[in-house]
């Protein structure tokens, strides 16, 4: 289910703000990981089609990440929430097949 549907449902149902923040925080973390993957994909692109796709994917990942950050700015965040919601780090690496 998409972030918009989940956040809209939480707001409509009178959902807990902390729950909405947690969902948004997880989506931001995932979007950042997607952006890192797209950036690495651009480094490994060789053929023109691969380069075009990598640029498209990078721009889309950046837009999604920026959109989620704008949504997060609408909330008031406490410092303890950040430490409580911190997800495990995601490490993504690519290897070029030879």
N, C-alpha and C. Protein backbone atom coordinates (compact mmCIF):
# COMPACT_ATOMS: atom_id res chain seq x y z
N UNK A 1 0.86 -1.17 0.00
CA UNK A 1 0.00 0.00 0.00
C UNK A 1 0.90 1.23 0.00
N UNK A 2 0.54 2.23 -0.78
CA UNK A 2 1.35 3.42 -0.91
C UNK A 2 1.32 4.30 0.33
N UNK A 3 2.32 5.15 0.42
CA UNK A 3 2.45 6.05 1.57
C UNK A 3 1.25 6.97 1.68
N UNK A 4 0.74 7.45 0.56
CA UNK A 4 -0.39 8.39 0.61
C UNK A 4 -1.63 7.72 1.16
N UNK A 5 -1.89 6.49 0.72
CA UNK A 5 -3.07 5.78 1.22
C UNK A 5 -2.95 5.50 2.70
N UNK A 6 -1.77 5.08 3.15
CA UNK A 6 -1.60 4.77 4.56
C UNK A 6 -1.73 6.02 5.42
N UNK A 7 -1.10 7.10 5.02
CA UNK A 7 -1.18 8.33 5.81
C UNK A 7 -2.60 8.90 5.79
N UNK A 8 -3.25 8.86 4.63
CA UNK A 8 -4.61 9.36 4.53
C UNK A 8 -5.55 8.54 5.41
N UNK A 9 -5.38 7.23 5.37
CA UNK A 9 -6.23 6.37 6.20
C UNK A 9 -5.98 6.63 7.68
N UNK A 10 -4.73 6.82 8.07
CA UNK A 10 -4.42 7.11 9.48
C UNK A 10 -5.06 8.42 9.92
N UNK A 11 -4.99 9.43 9.07
CA UNK A 11 -5.58 10.73 9.41
C UNK A 11 -7.10 10.64 9.46
N UNK A 12 -7.68 9.98 8.47
CA UNK A 12 -9.14 9.86 8.39
C UNK A 12 -9.70 9.08 9.57
N UNK A 13 -9.02 8.04 9.95
CA UNK A 13 -9.49 7.20 11.05
C UNK A 13 -9.12 7.78 12.42
N UNK A 14 -8.57 8.97 12.42
CA UNK A 14 -8.14 9.57 13.68
C UNK A 14 -6.91 8.86 14.24
N UNK A 15 -6.09 8.35 13.32
CA UNK A 15 -4.92 7.57 13.72
C UNK A 15 -3.94 8.38 14.55
N UNK A 16 -3.15 7.68 15.28
CA UNK A 16 -2.15 8.26 16.15
C UNK A 16 -1.11 9.01 15.31
N UNK A 17 -0.78 10.21 15.73
CA UNK A 17 0.24 10.99 15.03
C UNK A 17 1.57 10.28 15.05
N UNK A 18 1.87 9.62 16.16
CA UNK A 18 3.12 8.88 16.24
C UNK A 18 3.17 7.77 15.21
N UNK A 19 2.05 7.10 14.99
CA UNK A 19 1.97 6.05 13.96
C UNK A 19 2.20 6.66 12.57
N UNK A 20 1.58 7.81 12.29
CA UNK A 20 1.77 8.47 11.00
C UNK A 20 3.23 8.86 10.81
N UNK A 21 3.84 9.37 11.87
CA UNK A 21 5.25 9.76 11.79
C UNK A 21 6.13 8.55 11.53
N UNK A 22 5.83 7.44 12.20
CA UNK A 22 6.64 6.24 12.01
C UNK A 22 6.55 5.76 10.56
N UNK A 23 5.35 5.73 10.00
CA UNK A 23 5.17 5.32 8.61
C UNK A 23 5.96 6.24 7.69
N UNK A 24 5.83 7.53 7.91
CA UNK A 24 6.54 8.50 7.08
C UNK A 24 8.05 8.36 7.23
N UNK A 25 8.52 8.16 8.46
CA UNK A 25 9.95 8.00 8.72
C UNK A 25 10.50 6.78 7.99
N UNK A 26 9.76 5.68 8.02
CA UNK A 26 10.19 4.47 7.33
C UNK A 26 10.21 4.68 5.81
N UNK A 27 9.22 5.41 5.30
CA UNK A 27 9.17 5.69 3.87
C UNK A 27 10.34 6.59 3.44
N UNK A 28 10.69 7.55 4.29
CA UNK A 28 11.83 8.43 3.98
C UNK A 28 13.11 7.61 3.96
N UNK A 29 13.26 6.72 4.92
CA UNK A 29 14.45 5.88 4.95
C UNK A 29 14.54 5.00 3.70
N UNK A 30 13.41 4.42 3.31
CA UNK A 30 13.38 3.58 2.11
C UNK A 30 13.65 4.40 0.85
N UNK A 31 13.10 5.62 0.79
CA UNK A 31 13.33 6.48 -0.37
C UNK A 31 14.79 6.88 -0.47
N UNK A 32 15.43 7.11 0.67
CA UNK A 32 16.86 7.44 0.65
C UNK A 32 17.68 6.26 0.15
N UNK A 33 17.32 5.05 0.58
CA UNK A 33 18.01 3.86 0.10
C UNK A 33 17.80 3.68 -1.41
N UNK A 34 16.58 3.94 -1.89
CA UNK A 34 16.30 3.87 -3.33
C UNK A 34 17.13 4.89 -4.10
N UNK A 35 17.30 6.07 -3.53
CA UNK A 35 18.10 7.11 -4.18
C UNK A 35 19.56 6.66 -4.27
N UNK A 36 20.07 6.05 -3.20
CA UNK A 36 21.45 5.57 -3.23
C UNK A 36 21.64 4.48 -4.29
N UNK A 37 20.67 3.59 -4.41
CA UNK A 37 20.73 2.53 -5.42
C UNK A 37 20.72 3.15 -6.82
N UNK A 38 19.84 4.12 -7.04
CA UNK A 38 19.75 4.78 -8.35
C UNK A 38 21.06 5.51 -8.68
N UNK A 39 21.67 6.11 -7.68
CA UNK A 39 22.94 6.81 -7.91
C UNK A 39 24.04 5.83 -8.28
N UNK A 40 24.08 4.67 -7.60
CA UNK A 40 25.07 3.66 -7.94
C UNK A 40 24.80 3.06 -9.32
N UNK A 41 23.53 2.92 -9.66
CA UNK A 41 23.17 2.39 -10.98
C UNK A 41 23.72 3.30 -12.08
N UNK A 42 23.68 4.61 -11.84
CA UNK A 42 24.21 5.55 -12.82
C UNK A 42 25.71 5.37 -13.00
N UNK A 43 26.41 5.07 -11.91
CA UNK A 43 27.86 4.83 -12.00
C UNK A 43 28.19 3.60 -12.84
N UNK A 44 27.31 2.60 -12.83
CA UNK A 44 27.59 1.35 -13.54
C UNK A 44 27.00 1.30 -14.94
N UNK A 45 26.23 2.28 -15.32
CA UNK A 45 25.60 2.28 -16.64
C UNK A 45 26.66 2.45 -17.72
N UNK A 46 26.53 1.64 -18.79
CA UNK A 46 27.52 1.67 -19.87
C UNK A 46 26.86 2.05 -21.20
N UNK A 47 25.83 1.32 -21.57
CA UNK A 47 25.16 1.58 -22.84
C UNK A 47 24.19 2.74 -22.70
N UNK A 48 23.83 3.32 -23.83
CA UNK A 48 22.96 4.49 -23.83
C UNK A 48 21.62 4.22 -23.15
N UNK A 49 21.02 3.06 -23.42
CA UNK A 49 19.74 2.72 -22.78
C UNK A 49 19.90 2.61 -21.27
N UNK A 50 20.99 2.03 -20.82
CA UNK A 50 21.24 1.91 -19.39
C UNK A 50 21.42 3.29 -18.75
N UNK A 51 22.11 4.16 -19.44
CA UNK A 51 22.33 5.53 -18.93
C UNK A 51 21.01 6.28 -18.84
N UNK A 52 20.20 6.17 -19.90
CA UNK A 52 18.89 6.84 -19.90
C UNK A 52 18.02 6.35 -18.74
N UNK A 53 17.99 5.03 -18.57
CA UNK A 53 17.19 4.46 -17.49
C UNK A 53 17.73 4.90 -16.12
N UNK A 54 19.04 4.89 -15.97
CA UNK A 54 19.64 5.28 -14.69
C UNK A 54 19.33 6.74 -14.35
N UNK A 55 19.37 7.61 -15.34
CA UNK A 55 19.03 9.01 -15.11
C UNK A 55 17.56 9.16 -14.73
N UNK A 56 16.69 8.46 -15.45
CA UNK A 56 15.26 8.50 -15.14
C UNK A 56 15.00 8.00 -13.72
N UNK A 57 15.62 6.87 -13.35
CA UNK A 57 15.42 6.30 -12.01
C UNK A 57 15.97 7.23 -10.93
N UNK A 58 17.10 7.87 -11.19
CA UNK A 58 17.69 8.80 -10.22
C UNK A 58 16.78 10.01 -10.01
N UNK A 59 16.28 10.57 -11.11
CA UNK A 59 15.38 11.72 -10.98
C UNK A 59 14.10 11.35 -10.24
N UNK A 60 13.55 10.18 -10.53
CA UNK A 60 12.33 9.74 -9.84
C UNK A 60 12.59 9.52 -8.35
N UNK A 61 13.72 8.92 -8.02
CA UNK A 61 14.06 8.68 -6.61
C UNK A 61 14.25 10.00 -5.87
N UNK A 62 14.90 10.96 -6.52
CA UNK A 62 15.09 12.28 -5.91
C UNK A 62 13.76 12.97 -5.65
N UNK A 63 12.87 12.91 -6.63
CA UNK A 63 11.55 13.55 -6.47
C UNK A 63 10.77 12.93 -5.31
N UNK A 64 10.80 11.61 -5.23
CA UNK A 64 10.08 10.92 -4.15
C UNK A 64 10.67 11.30 -2.79
N UNK A 65 11.98 11.30 -2.69
CA UNK A 65 12.66 11.64 -1.45
C UNK A 65 12.32 13.07 -1.03
N UNK A 66 12.39 14.01 -1.97
CA UNK A 66 12.06 15.41 -1.68
C UNK A 66 10.60 15.57 -1.24
N UNK A 67 9.70 14.85 -1.91
CA UNK A 67 8.28 14.93 -1.57
C UNK A 67 8.04 14.46 -0.14
N UNK A 68 8.66 13.35 0.24
CA UNK A 68 8.50 12.82 1.59
C UNK A 68 9.10 13.76 2.64
N UNK A 69 10.22 14.40 2.30
CA UNK A 69 10.80 15.36 3.24
C UNK A 69 9.88 16.57 3.43
N UNK A 70 9.23 17.01 2.36
CA UNK A 70 8.27 18.11 2.49
C UNK A 70 7.11 17.71 3.39
N UNK A 71 6.65 16.47 3.27
CA UNK A 71 5.58 15.99 4.14
C UNK A 71 6.05 15.96 5.60
N UNK A 72 7.28 15.54 5.82
CA UNK A 72 7.80 15.45 7.18
C UNK A 72 7.91 16.82 7.83
N UNK A 73 8.16 17.84 7.04
CA UNK A 73 8.27 19.20 7.59
C UNK A 73 6.94 19.71 8.14
N UNK A 74 5.86 19.07 7.78
CA UNK A 74 4.55 19.50 8.28
C UNK A 74 4.32 19.05 9.72
N UNK A 75 5.09 18.09 10.18
CA UNK A 75 4.96 17.59 11.55
C UNK A 75 5.91 18.33 12.48
N UNK A 76 5.59 18.30 13.76
CA UNK A 76 6.51 18.77 14.79
C UNK A 76 7.20 17.52 15.33
N UNK A 77 8.52 17.47 15.20
CA UNK A 77 9.28 16.30 15.60
C UNK A 77 10.01 16.59 16.90
N UNK A 78 9.97 15.67 17.80
CA UNK A 78 10.72 15.75 19.05
C UNK A 78 12.00 14.93 18.88
N UNK A 79 13.06 15.32 19.57
CA UNK A 79 14.33 14.63 19.40
C UNK A 79 14.25 13.17 19.83
N UNK A 80 13.45 12.86 20.84
CA UNK A 80 13.35 11.47 21.30
C UNK A 80 12.69 10.58 20.25
N UNK A 81 11.81 11.15 19.44
CA UNK A 81 11.13 10.36 18.41
C UNK A 81 12.12 9.86 17.37
N UNK A 82 13.07 10.71 17.03
CA UNK A 82 14.06 10.33 16.02
C UNK A 82 14.85 9.11 16.49
N UNK A 83 15.29 9.11 17.73
CA UNK A 83 16.07 7.99 18.25
C UNK A 83 15.23 6.74 18.41
N UNK A 84 13.97 6.91 18.75
CA UNK A 84 13.07 5.78 18.93
C UNK A 84 12.72 5.12 17.61
N UNK A 85 12.64 5.90 16.54
CA UNK A 85 12.21 5.37 15.25
C UNK A 85 13.36 4.95 14.35
N UNK A 86 14.58 5.16 14.76
CA UNK A 86 15.72 4.91 13.89
C UNK A 86 15.73 3.47 13.40
N UNK A 87 15.65 3.25 12.08
CA UNK A 87 15.68 1.89 11.54
C UNK A 87 17.11 1.38 11.44
N UNK A 88 17.24 0.11 11.18
CA UNK A 88 18.56 -0.45 10.97
C UNK A 88 19.14 0.10 9.68
N UNK A 89 20.45 0.32 9.63
CA UNK A 89 21.05 0.86 8.40
C UNK A 89 20.93 -0.13 7.25
N UNK A 90 20.75 0.42 6.07
CA UNK A 90 20.65 -0.40 4.87
C UNK A 90 21.91 -0.17 4.07
N UNK A 91 22.56 -1.25 3.70
CA UNK A 91 23.79 -1.14 2.90
C UNK A 91 23.53 -1.80 1.57
N UNK A 92 23.70 -1.07 0.49
CA UNK A 92 23.44 -1.59 -0.84
C UNK A 92 24.71 -1.45 -1.65
N UNK A 93 25.11 -2.55 -2.29
CA UNK A 93 26.29 -2.50 -3.16
C UNK A 93 25.97 -3.21 -4.46
N UNK A 94 26.58 -2.75 -5.51
CA UNK A 94 26.43 -3.35 -6.82
C UNK A 94 27.76 -3.93 -7.24
N UNK A 95 27.71 -5.03 -7.94
CA UNK A 95 28.92 -5.58 -8.55
C UNK A 95 28.64 -5.74 -10.03
N UNK A 96 29.61 -5.42 -10.80
CA UNK A 96 29.44 -5.52 -12.24
C UNK A 96 29.79 -6.95 -12.67
N UNK A 97 28.81 -7.54 -13.36
CA UNK A 97 29.02 -8.91 -13.83
C UNK A 97 29.85 -8.88 -15.09
N UNK A 98 30.76 -9.79 -15.14
CA UNK A 98 31.71 -9.71 -16.14
C UNK A 98 31.76 -10.35 -17.37
